[in-house]
Amino acid sequence: MAVVTAVTLGLWCLGLLLWWKIRVPSNLPRNLPKIPVYVSLLGLWSDLGQDEIHDRWLRKPLEQHGAVRFWFAGRWSILVIKPRYLTDMFRNEHIYAKAGNQKKIPWSVIASVLGDNIISSHGDNWRLYTSIMTPGMTKWDFDCRPLVNKSQKLAELLLQAHSRSAPGKGVVINPFILRYAISVMGQSFLDIDFQRLIFKPFYMNFPVADKYPALFPSRKRAFTLVKRFESLLCELIRDRPRTGSERKHQSDNDQVVHMLDQALKE
C-alpha cells in the first residue's frame, strides 16, 4: 500500500511539474490564440514538413489575429506576422530587445555553440559585429567560384547517392544540403572548410534537459563535442595559413575572416 501511495504521489508531482513547465505565463496576452504544445513537437515523430505544419495549424490564426502564442525553445513566445505589429517592434528596439539563446537558455548546448552573435545580439554589440562583418559580406566583386565549385560537387554527390539507392527509392538530401551550406559559408566568408554539426530537435523544444547532462548522456557528449569544435575552430581561424592571411592592409578581396582578424588585433 505504501509503495502504491508513493508511486501515485510521485506521478502526481511529476504531472504538476510538467503542467507548471508548459503552462502559458500570465504576462502573455490572453486575447491571442494559443497553438497547442504538440504542434511544436510534430517534427519529432511525424513526416510533416514545417510548411505543412504551418499551413495546417498556424496559417489561419496568424492571418486572422496577426499573432499567436507559440511554444518554442522550451518557453512560450509570441509569433507575429502582422505588419503593424512588426513595424512597432522594429521602431521601438529599446522595448523589444532581441534575446538569443545565450540569454534565454544559457545552459543549453546550442547556446554554448552560438554564444552572442550578430543575429541575436542587440544594441552596441550588434553595431560592433555589423561594423566588422558587413564590409566582407557586401562586396561588389564577390568571388562566386567557391559557390559554383561546391554546387557542382553537391550535384555529383547526389547523383552518386542516387545511383547507390535501391530501385524506386529516393535520396535524403538534408545531410548533403547541410554540409554544402556550411562548406560554402566557410570557404566564402572564413577562407576555410567546415564539417557539419547537427542539433537534435528534441533538445531544441526542451532545452531544460541540457541542465542535467548526468541524466542524458548524449547531452554530456554534446557539450564535449562543442568544446572540441570550439578548440578546432580557434585553431583553424588563428593558426592555419590562409590565402591573403599575411596582408597588412585592407583590400577589396578581404573576406569576413580578414575583418575579424583585424578586429582581434585592434
C-alpha atoms as a PDB file:
ATOM      1  CA  MET A   1       0.000   0.000   0.000  1.00  0.00           C
ATOM      2  CA  ALA A   2       2.829   2.356   0.914  1.00  0.00           C
ATOM      3  CA  VAL A   3       4.507   1.662  -2.442  1.00  0.00           C
ATOM      4  CA  VAL A   4       1.319   2.429  -4.367  1.00  0.00           C
ATOM      5  CA  THR A   5       0.884   5.661  -2.414  1.00  0.00           C
ATOM      6  CA  ALA A   6       4.483   6.706  -3.080  1.00  0.00           C
ATOM      7  CA  VAL A   7       4.178   5.962  -6.817  1.00  0.00           C
ATOM      8  CA  THR A   8       0.887   7.845  -7.022  1.00  0.00           C
ATOM      9  CA  LEU A   9       2.365  10.817  -5.196  1.00  0.00           C
ATOM     10  CA  GLY A  10       5.408  10.763  -7.452  1.00  0.00           C
ATOM     11  CA  LEU A  11       3.279  10.704 -10.605  1.00  0.00           C
ATOM     12  CA  TRP A  12       1.099  13.495  -9.238  1.00  0.00           C
ATOM     13  CA  CYS A  13       4.184  15.629  -8.510  1.00  0.00           C
ATOM     14  CA  LEU A  14       5.601  14.856 -11.973  1.00  0.00           C
ATOM     15  CA  GLY A  15       2.314  15.856 -13.595  1.00  0.00           C
ATOM     16  CA  LEU A  16       2.190  19.065 -11.583  1.00  0.00           C
ATOM     17  CA  LEU A  17       5.776  19.883 -12.571  1.00  0.00           C
ATOM     18  CA  LEU A  18       5.012  19.243 -16.240  1.00  0.00           C
ATOM     19  CA  TRP A  19       1.892  21.416 -16.074  1.00  0.00           C
ATOM     20  CA  TRP A  20       3.860  24.224 -14.425  1.00  0.00           C
ATOM     21  CA  LYS A  21       6.528  23.982 -17.102  1.00  0.00           C
ATOM     22  CA  ILE A  22       4.217  24.155 -20.128  1.00  0.00           C
ATOM     23  CA  ARG A  23       1.551  26.479 -18.744  1.00  0.00           C
ATOM     24  CA  VAL A  24       1.125  29.807 -20.517  1.00  0.00           C
ATOM     25  CA  PRO A  25       2.603  32.650 -18.413  1.00  0.00           C
ATOM     26  CA  SER A  26       0.080  35.169 -17.142  1.00  0.00           C
ATOM     27  CA  ASN A  27       2.064  38.073 -18.642  1.00  0.00           C
ATOM     28  CA  LEU A  28       1.303  36.971 -22.213  1.00  0.00           C
ATOM     29  CA  PRO A  29      -1.792  38.434 -23.915  1.00  0.00           C
ATOM     30  CA  ARG A  30      -4.836  36.232 -23.349  1.00  0.00           C
ATOM     31  CA  ASN A  31      -6.678  37.504 -26.418  1.00  0.00           C
ATOM     32  CA  LEU A  32      -4.223  35.765 -28.767  1.00  0.00           C
ATOM     33  CA  PRO A  33      -4.852  32.188 -29.927  1.00  0.00           C
ATOM     34  CA  LYS A  34      -2.744  29.524 -28.245  1.00  0.00           C
ATOM     35  CA  ILE A  35      -1.154  26.943 -30.510  1.00  0.00           C
ATOM     36  CA  PRO A  36      -1.101  23.561 -28.700  1.00  0.00           C
ATOM     37  CA  VAL A  37       2.310  22.413 -27.484  1.00  0.00           C
ATOM     38  CA  TYR A  38       2.112  19.229 -29.519  1.00  0.00           C
ATOM     39  CA  VAL A  39       2.199  21.265 -32.752  1.00  0.00           C
ATOM     40  CA  SER A  40       5.761  22.341 -31.899  1.00  0.00           C
ATOM     41  CA  LEU A  41       6.719  18.691 -31.418  1.00  0.00           C
ATOM     42  CA  LEU A  42       5.179  17.218 -34.557  1.00  0.00           C
ATOM     43  CA  GLY A  43       8.523  17.249 -36.331  1.00  0.00           C
ATOM     44  CA  LEU A  44       9.840  14.762 -33.761  1.00  0.00           C
ATOM     45  CA  TRP A  45       7.539  11.882 -34.633  1.00  0.00           C
ATOM     46  CA  SER A  46       5.870  12.730 -37.940  1.00  0.00           C
ATOM     47  CA  ASP A  47       6.960  13.199 -41.529  1.00  0.00           C
ATOM     48  CA  LEU A  48       5.222  16.564 -41.779  1.00  0.00           C
ATOM     49  CA  GLY A  49       7.377  19.403 -43.053  1.00  0.00           C
ATOM     50  CA  GLN A  50       7.440  22.842 -41.456  1.00  0.00           C
ATOM     51  CA  ASP A  51       5.396  24.239 -44.351  1.00  0.00           C
ATOM     52  CA  GLU A  52       2.683  21.588 -43.819  1.00  0.00           C
ATOM     53  CA  ILE A  53       2.596  22.223 -40.065  1.00  0.00           C
ATOM     54  CA  HIS A  54       2.318  25.962 -40.717  1.00  0.00           C
ATOM     55  CA  ASP A  55      -0.471  25.591 -43.263  1.00  0.00           C
ATOM     56  CA  ARG A  56      -2.498  23.206 -41.091  1.00  0.00           C
ATOM     57  CA  TRP A  57      -2.199  24.751 -37.624  1.00  0.00           C
ATOM     58  CA  LEU A  58      -0.675  28.235 -37.854  1.00  0.00           C
ATOM     59  CA  ARG A  59      -1.694  29.986 -41.053  1.00  0.00           C
ATOM     60  CA  LYS A  60      -5.384  30.612 -40.256  1.00  0.00           C
ATOM     61  CA  PRO A  61      -4.971  32.005 -36.693  1.00  0.00           C
ATOM     62  CA  LEU A  62      -1.949  34.061 -37.759  1.00  0.00           C
ATOM     63  CA  GLU A  63      -3.783  35.610 -40.698  1.00  0.00           C
ATOM     64  CA  GLN A  64      -6.861  36.255 -38.580  1.00  0.00           C
ATOM     65  CA  HIS A  65      -5.192  37.698 -35.465  1.00  0.00           C
ATOM     66  CA  GLY A  66      -1.739  38.728 -36.683  1.00  0.00           C
ATOM     67  CA  ALA A  67      -0.036  36.940 -33.783  1.00  0.00           C
ATOM     68  CA  VAL A  68      -0.316  33.730 -31.749  1.00  0.00           C
ATOM     69  CA  ARG A  69       1.109  32.244 -28.564  1.00  0.00           C
ATOM     70  CA  PHE A  70       3.554  29.545 -29.578  1.00  0.00           C
ATOM     71  CA  TRP A  71       5.820  27.089 -27.714  1.00  0.00           C
ATOM     72  CA  PHE A  72       9.411  27.416 -28.905  1.00  0.00           C
ATOM     73  CA  ALA A  73      12.822  26.617 -27.368  1.00  0.00           C
ATOM     74  CA  GLY A  74      11.294  25.462 -24.121  1.00  0.00           C
ATOM     75  CA  ARG A  75       9.148  28.518 -23.461  1.00  0.00           C
ATOM     76  CA  TRP A  76       6.016  30.289 -24.627  1.00  0.00           C
ATOM     77  CA  SER A  77       6.600  33.069 -27.125  1.00  0.00           C
ATOM     78  CA  ILE A  78       4.520  35.338 -29.329  1.00  0.00           C
ATOM     79  CA  LEU A  79       4.792  34.646 -33.061  1.00  0.00           C
ATOM     80  CA  VAL A  80       3.990  37.817 -35.039  1.00  0.00           C
ATOM     81  CA  ILE A  81       3.302  38.390 -38.746  1.00  0.00           C
ATOM     82  CA  LYS A  82       1.023  41.463 -38.811  1.00  0.00           C
ATOM     83  CA  PRO A  83       2.924  44.342 -40.487  1.00  0.00           C
ATOM     84  CA  ARG A  84       1.706  46.923 -37.966  1.00  0.00           C
ATOM     85  CA  TYR A  85       2.983  44.845 -35.059  1.00  0.00           C
ATOM     86  CA  LEU A  86       6.304  44.202 -36.790  1.00  0.00           C
ATOM     87  CA  THR A  87       6.780  47.876 -37.585  1.00  0.00           C
ATOM     88  CA  ASP A  88       6.168  48.763 -33.948  1.00  0.00           C
ATOM     89  CA  MET A  89       8.763  46.182 -32.867  1.00  0.00           C
ATOM     90  CA  PHE A  90      11.431  47.454 -35.240  1.00  0.00           C
ATOM     91  CA  ARG A  91      10.802  51.107 -34.382  1.00  0.00           C
ATOM     92  CA  ASN A  92      10.947  50.506 -30.627  1.00  0.00           C
ATOM     93  CA  GLU A  93      14.132  48.495 -30.366  1.00  0.00           C
ATOM     94  CA  HIS A  94      14.668  49.598 -26.762  1.00  0.00           C
ATOM     95  CA  ILE A  95      11.408  47.880 -25.767  1.00  0.00           C
ATOM     96  CA  TYR A  96      11.551  44.770 -27.943  1.00  0.00           C
ATOM     97  CA  ALA A  97      15.204  43.893 -27.441  1.00  0.00           C
ATOM     98  CA  LYS A  98      16.420  40.723 -29.098  1.00  0.00           C
ATOM     99  CA  ALA A  99      17.348  37.879 -26.782  1.00  0.00           C
ATOM    100  CA  GLY A 100      19.289  34.983 -28.253  1.00  0.00           C
ATOM    101  CA  ASN A 101      19.766  31.503 -26.893  1.00  0.00           C
ATOM    102  CA  GLN A 102      22.696  32.698 -24.798  1.00  0.00           C
ATOM    103  CA  LYS A 103      20.175  34.690 -22.745  1.00  0.00           C
ATOM    104  CA  LYS A 104      17.011  32.579 -22.983  1.00  0.00           C
ATOM    105  CA  ILE A 105      18.638  29.179 -22.411  1.00  0.00           C
ATOM    106  CA  PRO A 106      22.277  29.910 -21.463  1.00  0.00           C
ATOM    107  CA  TRP A 107      22.808  26.377 -20.092  1.00  0.00           C
ATOM    108  CA  SER A 108      21.988  24.665 -23.411  1.00  0.00           C
ATOM    109  CA  VAL A 109      24.331  23.094 -25.941  1.00  0.00           C
ATOM    110  CA  ILE A 110      23.202  25.369 -28.745  1.00  0.00           C
ATOM    111  CA  ALA A 111      23.876  28.446 -26.582  1.00  0.00           C
ATOM    112  CA  SER A 112      27.397  27.149 -25.970  1.00  0.00           C
ATOM    113  CA  VAL A 113      27.955  26.890 -29.717  1.00  0.00           C
ATOM    114  CA  LEU A 114      26.342  30.111 -30.900  1.00  0.00           C
ATOM    115  CA  GLY A 115      27.052  32.399 -27.945  1.00  0.00           C
ATOM    116  CA  ASP A 116      26.479  36.091 -28.514  1.00  0.00           C
ATOM    117  CA  ASN A 117      26.307  36.672 -32.256  1.00  0.00           C
ATOM    118  CA  ILE A 118      25.276  39.137 -34.928  1.00  0.00           C
ATOM    119  CA  ILE A 119      21.815  37.596 -35.365  1.00  0.00           C
ATOM    120  CA  SER A 120      20.664  37.552 -31.741  1.00  0.00           C
ATOM    121  CA  SER A 121      22.703  40.425 -30.276  1.00  0.00           C
ATOM    122  CA  HIS A 122      21.276  43.847 -29.527  1.00  0.00           C
ATOM    123  CA  GLY A 123      22.373  47.461 -29.216  1.00  0.00           C
ATOM    124  CA  ASP A 124      26.110  48.184 -29.025  1.00  0.00           C
ATOM    125  CA  ASN A 125      27.109  44.536 -29.511  1.00  0.00           C
ATOM    126  CA  TRP A 126      25.048  44.276 -32.692  1.00  0.00           C
ATOM    127  CA  ARG A 127      26.503  47.528 -34.060  1.00  0.00           C
ATOM    128  CA  LEU A 128      30.030  46.316 -33.304  1.00  0.00           C
ATOM    129  CA  TYR A 129      29.524  42.966 -35.045  1.00  0.00           C
ATOM    130  CA  THR A 130      27.867  44.659 -38.012  1.00  0.00           C
ATOM    131  CA  SER A 131      30.646  47.196 -38.475  1.00  0.00           C
ATOM    132  CA  ILE A 132      33.207  44.384 -38.623  1.00  0.00           C
ATOM    133  CA  MET A 133      31.373  41.831 -40.759  1.00  0.00           C
ATOM    134  CA  THR A 134      29.273  43.868 -43.204  1.00  0.00           C
ATOM    135  CA  PRO A 135      32.154  45.005 -45.479  1.00  0.00           C
ATOM    136  CA  GLY A 136      33.195  41.399 -46.062  1.00  0.00           C
ATOM    137  CA  MET A 137      29.659  40.267 -46.899  1.00  0.00           C
ATOM    138  CA  THR A 138      28.546  43.093 -49.198  1.00  0.00           C
ATOM    139  CA  LYS A 139      31.360  43.301 -51.741  1.00  0.00           C
ATOM    140  CA  TRP A 140      30.501  44.180 -55.333  1.00  0.00           C
ATOM    141  CA  ASP A 141      33.224  41.885 -56.680  1.00  0.00           C
ATOM    142  CA  PHE A 142      32.174  38.833 -54.668  1.00  0.00           C
ATOM    143  CA  ASP A 143      34.025  35.715 -55.841  1.00  0.00           C
ATOM    144  CA  CYS A 144      31.359  33.168 -56.773  1.00  0.00           C
ATOM    145  CA  ARG A 145      33.791  30.407 -57.797  1.00  0.00           C
ATOM    146  CA  PRO A 146      33.621  28.597 -54.423  1.00  0.00           C
ATOM    147  CA  LEU A 147      29.839  28.580 -54.698  1.00  0.00           C
ATOM    148  CA  VAL A 148      29.960  27.193 -58.244  1.00  0.00           C
ATOM    149  CA  ASN A 149      32.530  24.527 -57.357  1.00  0.00           C
ATOM    150  CA  LYS A 150      30.640  23.416 -54.256  1.00  0.00           C
ATOM    151  CA  SER A 151      27.374  23.328 -56.209  1.00  0.00           C
ATOM    152  CA  GLN A 152      28.939  21.080 -58.828  1.00  0.00           C
ATOM    153  CA  LYS A 153      30.285  18.812 -56.083  1.00  0.00           C
ATOM    154  CA  LEU A 154      26.852  18.705 -54.446  1.00  0.00           C
ATOM    155  CA  ALA A 155      25.263  17.612 -57.723  1.00  0.00           C
ATOM    156  CA  GLU A 156      27.897  14.881 -58.134  1.00  0.00           C
ATOM    157  CA  LEU A 157      27.324  13.562 -54.595  1.00  0.00           C
ATOM    158  CA  LEU A 158      23.559  13.498 -55.063  1.00  0.00           C
ATOM    159  CA  LEU A 159      23.892  11.597 -58.336  1.00  0.00           C
ATOM    160  CA  GLN A 160      26.273   9.113 -56.705  1.00  0.00           C
ATOM    161  CA  ALA A 161      23.916   8.597 -53.765  1.00  0.00           C
ATOM    162  CA  HIS A 162      21.012   8.085 -56.153  1.00  0.00           C
ATOM    163  CA  SER A 163      22.945   5.515 -58.183  1.00  0.00           C
ATOM    164  CA  ARG A 164      23.593   3.520 -54.999  1.00  0.00           C
ATOM    165  CA  SER A 165      19.985   3.656 -53.771  1.00  0.00           C
ATOM    166  CA  ALA A 166      17.513   0.833 -54.262  1.00  0.00           C
ATOM    167  CA  PRO A 167      15.188   0.976 -57.297  1.00  0.00           C
ATOM    168  CA  GLY A 168      12.231   3.248 -56.657  1.00  0.00           C
ATOM    169  CA  LYS A 169      13.858   4.788 -53.579  1.00  0.00           C
ATOM    170  CA  GLY A 170      14.802   8.424 -53.218  1.00  0.00           C
ATOM    171  CA  VAL A 171      17.739  10.137 -51.543  1.00  0.00           C
ATOM    172  CA  VAL A 172      17.503  12.050 -48.256  1.00  0.00           C
ATOM    173  CA  ILE A 173      19.066  15.380 -49.199  1.00  0.00           C
ATOM    174  CA  ASN A 174      19.120  17.087 -45.769  1.00  0.00           C
ATOM    175  CA  PRO A 175      22.655  15.919 -44.797  1.00  0.00           C
ATOM    176  CA  PHE A 176      24.003  16.909 -48.206  1.00  0.00           C
ATOM    177  CA  ILE A 177      22.443  20.381 -48.076  1.00  0.00           C
ATOM    178  CA  LEU A 178      23.703  20.932 -44.527  1.00  0.00           C
ATOM    179  CA  ARG A 179      27.294  20.089 -45.428  1.00  0.00           C
ATOM    180  CA  TYR A 180      27.007  22.136 -48.624  1.00  0.00           C
ATOM    181  CA  ALA A 181      25.757  25.257 -46.837  1.00  0.00           C
ATOM    182  CA  ILE A 182      28.405  25.110 -44.101  1.00  0.00           C
ATOM    183  CA  SER A 183      31.158  24.418 -46.621  1.00  0.00           C
ATOM    184  CA  VAL A 184      30.170  27.353 -48.841  1.00  0.00           C
ATOM    185  CA  MET A 185      29.924  29.675 -45.853  1.00  0.00           C
ATOM    186  CA  GLY A 186      33.329  28.605 -44.561  1.00  0.00           C
ATOM    187  CA  GLN A 187      35.103  28.980 -47.881  1.00  0.00           C
ATOM    188  CA  SER A 188      33.358  32.197 -48.957  1.00  0.00           C
ATOM    189  CA  PHE A 189      33.483  34.064 -45.643  1.00  0.00           C
ATOM    190  CA  LEU A 190      36.158  32.412 -43.483  1.00  0.00           C
ATOM    191  CA  ASP A 191      38.538  31.027 -46.125  1.00  0.00           C
ATOM    192  CA  ILE A 192      38.348  27.520 -44.585  1.00  0.00           C
ATOM    193  CA  ASP A 193      36.208  24.391 -44.848  1.00  0.00           C
ATOM    194  CA  PHE A 194      33.966  23.219 -42.024  1.00  0.00           C
ATOM    195  CA  GLN A 195      32.485  19.873 -41.085  1.00  0.00           C
ATOM    196  CA  ARG A 196      28.815  19.631 -40.143  1.00  0.00           C
ATOM    197  CA  LEU A 197      27.371  19.960 -36.665  1.00  0.00           C
ATOM    198  CA  ILE A 198      23.812  18.710 -36.021  1.00  0.00           C
ATOM    199  CA  PHE A 199      21.380  19.629 -33.248  1.00  0.00           C
ATOM    200  CA  LYS A 200      18.696  17.190 -32.213  1.00  0.00           C
ATOM    201  CA  PRO A 201      15.172  18.711 -32.414  1.00  0.00           C
ATOM    202  CA  PHE A 202      14.036  17.250 -29.058  1.00  0.00           C
ATOM    203  CA  TYR A 203      16.541  19.363 -27.156  1.00  0.00           C
ATOM    204  CA  MET A 204      15.548  22.445 -29.117  1.00  0.00           C
ATOM    205  CA  ASN A 205      11.984  22.072 -27.814  1.00  0.00           C
ATOM    206  CA  PHE A 206      13.020  21.051 -24.291  1.00  0.00           C
ATOM    207  CA  PRO A 207      16.419  22.725 -23.685  1.00  0.00           C
ATOM    208  CA  VAL A 208      15.944  22.267 -19.924  1.00  0.00           C
ATOM    209  CA  ALA A 209      17.264  18.724 -20.489  1.00  0.00           C
ATOM    210  CA  ASP A 210      20.678  20.272 -21.136  1.00  0.00           C
ATOM    211  CA  LYS A 211      20.773  21.279 -17.464  1.00  0.00           C
ATOM    212  CA  TYR A 212      21.098  17.630 -16.478  1.00  0.00           C
ATOM    213  CA  PRO A 213      23.810  16.015 -18.626  1.00  0.00           C
ATOM    214  CA  ALA A 214      24.200  13.287 -15.996  1.00  0.00           C
ATOM    215  CA  LEU A 215      20.669  12.111 -16.794  1.00  0.00           C
ATOM    216  CA  PHE A 216      21.097  12.497 -20.552  1.00  0.00           C
ATOM    217  CA  PRO A 217      24.484  11.038 -21.600  1.00  0.00           C
ATOM    218  CA  SER A 218      24.027  12.279 -25.154  1.00  0.00           C
ATOM    219  CA  ARG A 219      23.996  15.876 -23.905  1.00  0.00           C
ATOM    220  CA  LYS A 220      27.202  15.329 -21.918  1.00  0.00           C
ATOM    221  CA  ARG A 221      28.806  14.084 -25.118  1.00  0.00           C
ATOM    222  CA  ALA A 222      27.327  17.054 -26.996  1.00  0.00           C
ATOM    223  CA  PHE A 223      28.972  19.523 -24.582  1.00  0.00           C
ATOM    224  CA  THR A 224      32.271  17.677 -25.047  1.00  0.00           C
ATOM    225  CA  LEU A 225      31.899  17.926 -28.828  1.00  0.00           C
ATOM    226  CA  VAL A 226      31.139  21.641 -28.527  1.00  0.00           C
ATOM    227  CA  LYS A 227      34.385  22.211 -26.635  1.00  0.00           C
ATOM    228  CA  ARG A 228      36.304  20.209 -29.222  1.00  0.00           C
ATOM    229  CA  PHE A 229      34.593  22.135 -32.030  1.00  0.00           C
ATOM    230  CA  GLU A 230      35.415  25.442 -30.349  1.00  0.00           C
ATOM    231  CA  SER A 231      39.078  24.492 -29.943  1.00  0.00           C
ATOM    232  CA  LEU A 232      39.272  23.304 -33.557  1.00  0.00           C
ATOM    233  CA  LEU A 233      37.587  26.477 -34.810  1.00  0.00           C
ATOM    234  CA  CYS A 234      40.011  28.693 -32.890  1.00  0.00           C
ATOM    235  CA  GLU A 235      42.910  26.687 -34.292  1.00  0.00           C
ATOM    236  CA  LEU A 236      41.609  26.995 -37.841  1.00  0.00           C
ATOM    237  CA  ILE A 237      40.915  30.714 -37.552  1.00  0.00           C
ATOM    238  CA  ARG A 238      44.097  31.761 -35.777  1.00  0.00           C
ATOM    239  CA  ASP A 239      46.794  29.246 -36.669  1.00  0.00           C
ATOM    240  CA  ARG A 240      46.100  27.719 -40.072  1.00  0.00           C
ATOM    241  CA  PRO A 241      47.559  29.623 -43.056  1.00  0.00           C
ATOM    242  CA  ARG A 242      45.009  31.086 -45.445  1.00  0.00           C
ATOM    243  CA  THR A 243      45.167  32.904 -48.754  1.00  0.00           C
ATOM    244  CA  GLY A 244      45.966  36.524 -48.070  1.00  0.00           C
ATOM    245  CA  SER A 245      46.454  35.969 -44.333  1.00  0.00           C
ATOM    246  CA  GLU A 246      49.731  37.906 -44.372  1.00  0.00           C
ATOM    247  CA  ARG A 247      48.190  41.074 -45.774  1.00  0.00           C
ATOM    248  CA  LYS A 248      48.779  44.199 -43.742  1.00  0.00           C
ATOM    249  CA  HIS A 249      46.196  46.458 -45.332  1.00  0.00           C
ATOM    250  CA  GLN A 250      42.577  46.008 -46.259  1.00  0.00           C
ATOM    251  CA  SER A 251      41.743  45.218 -49.860  1.00  0.00           C
ATOM    252  CA  ASP A 252      38.639  44.684 -51.947  1.00  0.00           C
ATOM    253  CA  ASN A 253      39.241  40.920 -51.794  1.00  0.00           C
ATOM    254  CA  ASP A 254      39.083  40.707 -47.994  1.00  0.00           C
ATOM    255  CA  GLN A 255      36.683  38.115 -46.609  1.00  0.00           C
ATOM    256  CA  VAL A 256      34.815  38.285 -43.324  1.00  0.00           C
ATOM    257  CA  VAL A 257      37.611  36.369 -41.606  1.00  0.00           C
ATOM    258  CA  HIS A 258      40.129  39.055 -42.545  1.00  0.00           C
ATOM    259  CA  MET A 259      37.886  41.679 -40.949  1.00  0.00           C
ATOM    260  CA  LEU A 260      37.677  39.525 -37.812  1.00  0.00           C
ATOM    261  CA  ASP A 261      41.455  39.087 -37.746  1.00  0.00           C
ATOM    262  CA  GLN A 262      41.944  42.834 -37.966  1.00  0.00           C
ATOM    263  CA  ALA A 263      39.363  43.456 -35.220  1.00  0.00           C
ATOM    264  CA  LEU A 264      41.117  40.916 -32.976  1.00  0.00           C
ATOM    265  CA  LYS A 265      44.483  42.639 -33.478  1.00  0.00           C
ATOM    266  CA  GLU A 266      42.992  46.043 -32.708  1.00  0.00           C
END
